[in-house]
C-alpha atoms as a PDB file:
ATOM      1  CA  UNK A   1       0.000   0.000   0.000  1.00  0.00           C
ATOM      2  CA  UNK A   2       1.268   3.470  -0.916  1.00  0.00           C
ATOM      3  CA  UNK A   3       1.827   6.085   1.751  1.00  0.00           C
ATOM      4  CA  UNK A   4       2.631   9.774   1.658  1.00  0.00           C
ATOM      5  CA  UNK A   5       2.936  12.488   4.254  1.00  0.00           C
ATOM      6  CA  UNK A   6       2.926  16.266   4.454  1.00  0.00           C
ATOM      7  CA  UNK A   7       5.279  17.309   7.236  1.00  0.00           C
ATOM      8  CA  UNK A   8       6.255  20.605   8.797  1.00  0.00           C
ATOM      9  CA  UNK A   9       4.327  23.778   8.194  1.00  0.00           C
ATOM     10  CA  UNK A  10       6.224  26.322  10.258  1.00  0.00           C
ATOM     11  CA  UNK A  11       6.484  29.530   8.246  1.00  0.00           C
ATOM     12  CA  UNK A  12       4.678  27.865   5.340  1.00  0.00           C
ATOM     13  CA  UNK A  13       7.506  25.343   4.821  1.00  0.00           C
ATOM     14  CA  UNK A  14       6.415  21.784   4.131  1.00  0.00           C
ATOM     15  CA  UNK A  15       8.103  18.538   3.109  1.00  0.00           C
ATOM     16  CA  UNK A  16       6.324  15.797   1.204  1.00  0.00           C
ATOM     17  CA  UNK A  17       7.554  12.229   1.436  1.00  0.00           C
ATOM     18  CA  UNK A  18       6.391   8.866   0.168  1.00  0.00           C
ATOM     19  CA  UNK A  19       4.532   8.133  -3.045  1.00  0.00           C
ATOM     20  CA  UNK A  20       2.277  10.511  -4.954  1.00  0.00           C
ATOM     21  CA  UNK A  21      -0.259   8.291  -6.679  1.00  0.00           C
ATOM     22  CA  UNK A  22      -3.997   7.685  -6.917  1.00  0.00           C
ATOM     23  CA  UNK A  23      -4.089   6.081  -3.469  1.00  0.00           C
ATOM     24  CA  UNK A  24      -2.400   8.983  -1.654  1.00  0.00           C
ATOM     25  CA  UNK A  25      -3.162  12.281  -3.378  1.00  0.00           C
ATOM     26  CA  UNK A  26      -6.791  12.611  -2.253  1.00  0.00           C
ATOM     27  CA  UNK A  27      -5.872  12.568   1.427  1.00  0.00           C
ATOM     28  CA  UNK A  28      -2.849  14.825   0.808  1.00  0.00           C
ATOM     29  CA  UNK A  29      -5.034  17.346  -0.999  1.00  0.00           C
ATOM     30  CA  UNK A  30      -7.574  17.346   1.811  1.00  0.00           C
ATOM     31  CA  UNK A  31      -4.850  17.783   4.439  1.00  0.00           C
ATOM     32  CA  UNK A  32      -3.037  20.455   2.437  1.00  0.00           C
ATOM     33  CA  UNK A  33      -6.180  22.547   1.964  1.00  0.00           C
ATOM     34  CA  UNK A  34      -6.589  22.675   5.719  1.00  0.00           C
ATOM     35  CA  UNK A  35      -2.914  23.315   6.488  1.00  0.00           C
ATOM     36  CA  UNK A  36      -2.213  25.818   3.685  1.00  0.00           C
ATOM     37  CA  UNK A  37      -5.202  28.049   4.507  1.00  0.00           C
ATOM     38  CA  UNK A  38      -4.236  31.486   5.756  1.00  0.00           C
ATOM     39  CA  UNK A  39      -0.491  31.147   5.192  1.00  0.00           C
ATOM     40  CA  UNK A  40       1.309  34.069   3.555  1.00  0.00           C
ATOM     41  CA  UNK A  41       3.439  31.839   1.330  1.00  0.00           C
ATOM     42  CA  UNK A  42       4.144  28.177   0.664  1.00  0.00           C
ATOM     43  CA  UNK A  43       7.426  26.333   0.230  1.00  0.00           C
ATOM     44  CA  UNK A  44       6.976  22.654  -0.532  1.00  0.00           C
ATOM     45  CA  UNK A  45      10.026  20.387  -0.702  1.00  0.00           C
ATOM     46  CA  UNK A  46       9.315  17.231  -2.687  1.00  0.00           C
ATOM     47  CA  UNK A  47      12.761  15.709  -2.129  1.00  0.00           C
ATOM     48  CA  UNK A  48      11.302  12.885  -0.044  1.00  0.00           C
ATOM     49  CA  UNK A  49       8.977  11.663  -2.784  1.00  0.00           C
ATOM     50  CA  UNK A  50      10.035   8.142  -3.823  1.00  0.00           C
ATOM     51  CA  UNK A  51       7.603   7.731  -6.719  1.00  0.00           C
ATOM     52  CA  UNK A  52       4.972   9.782  -8.507  1.00  0.00           C
ATOM     53  CA  UNK A  53       2.550   9.310 -11.366  1.00  0.00           C
ATOM     54  CA  UNK A  54      -0.033  11.434 -13.183  1.00  0.00           C
ATOM     55  CA  UNK A  55      -2.046  11.760  -9.964  1.00  0.00           C
ATOM     56  CA  UNK A  56       1.036  13.315  -8.363  1.00  0.00           C
ATOM     57  CA  UNK A  57       1.332  15.794 -11.229  1.00  0.00           C
ATOM     58  CA  UNK A  58      -2.361  16.626 -10.829  1.00  0.00           C
ATOM     59  CA  UNK A  59      -1.811  17.293  -7.111  1.00  0.00           C
ATOM     60  CA  UNK A  60       1.051  19.706  -7.796  1.00  0.00           C
ATOM     61  CA  UNK A  61      -0.979  21.535 -10.428  1.00  0.00           C
ATOM     62  CA  UNK A  62      -3.874  21.778  -7.975  1.00  0.00           C
ATOM     63  CA  UNK A  63      -1.540  23.230  -5.330  1.00  0.00           C
ATOM     64  CA  UNK A  64      -0.405  25.845  -7.865  1.00  0.00           C
ATOM     65  CA  UNK A  65      -4.031  26.677  -8.677  1.00  0.00           C
ATOM     66  CA  UNK A  66      -5.061  26.925  -5.024  1.00  0.00           C
ATOM     67  CA  UNK A  67      -2.073  29.128  -4.176  1.00  0.00           C
ATOM     68  CA  UNK A  68      -2.796  31.435  -7.102  1.00  0.00           C
ATOM     69  CA  UNK A  69      -6.447  31.627  -6.072  1.00  0.00           C
ATOM     70  CA  UNK A  70      -5.456  32.500  -2.471  1.00  0.00           C
ATOM     71  CA  UNK A  71      -2.804  35.002  -3.579  1.00  0.00           C
ATOM     72  CA  UNK A  72      -0.050  32.919  -1.969  1.00  0.00           C
ATOM     73  CA  UNK A  73       3.413  32.788  -3.499  1.00  0.00           C
ATOM     74  CA  UNK A  74       4.376  29.125  -3.820  1.00  0.00           C
ATOM     75  CA  UNK A  75       7.696  27.365  -4.327  1.00  0.00           C
ATOM     76  CA  UNK A  76       7.846  23.683  -5.254  1.00  0.00           C
ATOM     77  CA  UNK A  77      11.389  22.391  -4.785  1.00  0.00           C
ATOM     78  CA  UNK A  78      13.038  19.099  -5.720  1.00  0.00           C
ATOM     79  CA  UNK A  79      10.376  18.059  -8.203  1.00  0.00           C
ATOM     80  CA  UNK A  80      10.335  14.278  -8.736  1.00  0.00           C
ATOM     81  CA  UNK A  81      11.784  13.324 -12.114  1.00  0.00           C
ATOM     82  CA  UNK A  82       8.678  11.237 -12.883  1.00  0.00           C
ATOM     83  CA  UNK A  83       6.507  14.345 -12.517  1.00  0.00           C
ATOM     84  CA  UNK A  84       8.839  16.428 -14.665  1.00  0.00           C
ATOM     85  CA  UNK A  85       8.779  13.754 -17.387  1.00  0.00           C
ATOM     86  CA  UNK A  86       4.976  13.550 -17.293  1.00  0.00           C
ATOM     87  CA  UNK A  87       4.702  17.333 -17.400  1.00  0.00           C
ATOM     88  CA  UNK A  88       6.921  17.480 -20.474  1.00  0.00           C
ATOM     89  CA  UNK A  89       4.595  15.212 -22.460  1.00  0.00           C
ATOM     90  CA  UNK A  90       1.320  16.673 -21.243  1.00  0.00           C
ATOM     91  CA  UNK A  91      -0.412  19.987 -20.915  1.00  0.00           C
ATOM     92  CA  UNK A  92       0.984  20.080 -17.390  1.00  0.00           C
ATOM     93  CA  UNK A  93       4.340  21.039 -18.846  1.00  0.00           C
ATOM     94  CA  UNK A  94       2.927  24.295 -20.103  1.00  0.00           C
ATOM     95  CA  UNK A  95       1.277  25.002 -16.774  1.00  0.00           C
ATOM     96  CA  UNK A  96       4.442  24.326 -14.788  1.00  0.00           C
ATOM     97  CA  UNK A  97       6.504  26.303 -17.304  1.00  0.00           C
ATOM     98  CA  UNK A  98       4.108  29.228 -16.954  1.00  0.00           C
ATOM     99  CA  UNK A  99       4.851  29.123 -13.247  1.00  0.00           C
ATOM    100  CA  UNK A 100       8.603  29.331 -13.693  1.00  0.00           C
ATOM    101  CA  UNK A 101       9.784  25.724 -13.765  1.00  0.00           C
ATOM    102  CA  UNK A 102      13.087  25.576 -15.623  1.00  0.00           C
ATOM    103  CA  UNK A 103      12.709  21.818 -15.951  1.00  0.00           C
ATOM    104  CA  UNK A 104       9.569  22.003 -18.003  1.00  0.00           C
ATOM    105  CA  UNK A 105      10.356  25.278 -19.719  1.00  0.00           C
ATOM    106  CA  UNK A 106      13.407  23.715 -21.372  1.00  0.00           C
ATOM    107  CA  UNK A 107      15.933  26.115 -19.890  1.00  0.00           C
ATOM    108  CA  UNK A 108      19.426  25.564 -21.247  1.00  0.00           C
ATOM    109  CA  UNK A 109      21.204  26.090 -17.942  1.00  0.00           C
ATOM    110  CA  UNK A 110      19.094  24.392 -15.337  1.00  0.00           C
ATOM    111  CA  UNK A 111      20.322  25.534 -11.968  1.00  0.00           C
ATOM    112  CA  UNK A 112      17.125  24.800 -10.086  1.00  0.00           C
ATOM    113  CA  UNK A 113      14.462  22.154  -9.871  1.00  0.00           C
ATOM    114  CA  UNK A 114      11.629  24.221  -8.574  1.00  0.00           C
ATOM    115  CA  UNK A 115       8.495  26.055  -9.513  1.00  0.00           C
ATOM    116  CA  UNK A 116       8.018  29.526  -8.115  1.00  0.00           C
ATOM    117  CA  UNK A 117       4.959  31.705  -8.475  1.00  0.00           C
ATOM    118  CA  UNK A 118       4.633  35.316  -7.361  1.00  0.00           C
END
């Protein structure tokens, strides 16, 4: 059985670990809506994610949408390679690129693996 967790939260800083798939993203989304509410900004480190699929990409895109809607700057760091690959071959690539992801935007000199929105 897949597991995932959303840890931290102090100062809007979170760390996600585990697997982002169809069995975990619904509960993570529910938890994140509650925990992200009212924060000035969000920093989400995905370095602890062991595996991710299209459901994981959908979760990240939903976090970007929710942050934009709430007027919260958001930073997604250490994007899982599986998510980056999926984003490149789907419409998600354009959405992540529009939010500043050098991975999906095809930047020549990639010095970062994050998405940042104002």
